[in-house]
Amino acid sequence: MKQTKFSYEKAIEELKEILSNVQKDKYTLDEMTEAMDRAQELLKKCEEALRKAQDKVVEIKK
């Protein structure tokens, strides 16, 4: 299976959509659980992308 390239911007948009749906009570309990799992996954990937970018900036400054 081909893995798609991670996009920080797309992840942020998806997180915003999840948050909006939570705030509008658009999820059942089961859907909420799935959405929170997905949000956690996206946040982890975003944090990793930010760490990598920060490491590159630090390396460039040396």
Protein backbone atom coordinates (compact mmCIF):
# COMPACT_ATOMS: atom_id res chain seq x y z
CA MET A 1 0.00 0.00 0.00
CA LYS A 2 1.38 3.40 -0.97
CA GLN A 3 1.81 5.84 1.90
CA THR A 4 0.82 9.44 1.24
CA LYS A 5 3.21 12.21 2.20
CA PHE A 6 2.36 13.94 5.47
CA SER A 7 1.17 17.53 5.15
CA TYR A 8 1.32 19.68 8.28
CA GLU A 9 -1.19 22.12 6.82
CA LYS A 10 -3.69 19.39 5.92
CA ALA A 11 -3.32 17.88 9.38
CA ILE A 12 -4.07 21.24 11.00
CA GLU A 13 -7.15 21.63 8.80
CA GLU A 14 -8.37 18.17 9.79
CA LEU A 15 -7.78 18.98 13.47
CA LYS A 16 -9.80 22.18 13.07
CA GLU A 17 -12.61 20.19 11.46
CA ILE A 18 -12.60 17.65 14.29
CA LEU A 19 -12.68 20.44 16.88
CA SER A 20 -15.54 22.18 15.08
CA ASN A 21 -17.55 18.95 14.96
CA VAL A 22 -16.93 18.33 18.66
CA GLN A 23 -18.03 21.87 19.54
CA LYS A 24 -21.21 21.44 17.47
CA ASP A 25 -22.00 18.05 19.05
CA LYS A 26 -21.95 16.36 15.63
CA TYR A 27 -20.50 13.09 16.92
CA THR A 28 -22.02 10.09 18.62
CA LEU A 29 -19.99 8.69 21.49
CA ASP A 30 -18.38 6.09 19.23
CA GLU A 31 -17.59 8.70 16.57
CA MET A 32 -16.15 10.97 19.26
CA THR A 33 -13.81 8.20 20.38
CA GLU A 34 -12.63 7.65 16.80
CA ALA A 35 -12.23 11.39 16.24
CA MET A 36 -10.16 11.77 19.41
CA ASP A 37 -7.93 8.86 18.37
CA ARG A 38 -7.44 10.49 14.97
CA ALA A 39 -6.73 13.88 16.57
CA GLN A 40 -4.13 12.29 18.83
CA GLU A 41 -2.46 10.68 15.81
CA LEU A 42 -2.44 13.97 13.90
CA LEU A 43 -1.06 15.90 16.87
CA LYS A 44 1.77 13.40 17.25
CA LYS A 45 2.68 13.76 13.55
CA CYS A 46 2.49 17.56 13.76
CA GLU A 47 4.75 17.62 16.81
CA GLU A 48 7.24 15.38 15.00
CA ALA A 49 7.20 17.64 11.93
CA LEU A 50 7.77 20.72 14.10
CA ARG A 51 10.65 19.02 15.93
CA LYS A 52 12.29 18.12 12.62
CA ALA A 53 11.90 21.68 11.36
CA GLN A 54 13.36 23.05 14.58
CA ASP A 55 16.31 20.66 14.34
CA LYS A 56 16.99 21.88 10.79
CA VAL A 57 16.89 25.52 11.92
CA VAL A 58 19.32 24.77 14.75
CA GLU A 59 21.61 22.95 12.33
CA ILE A 60 21.55 25.86 9.87
CA LYS A 61 22.41 28.34 12.62
CA LYS A 62 25.60 26.40 13.52
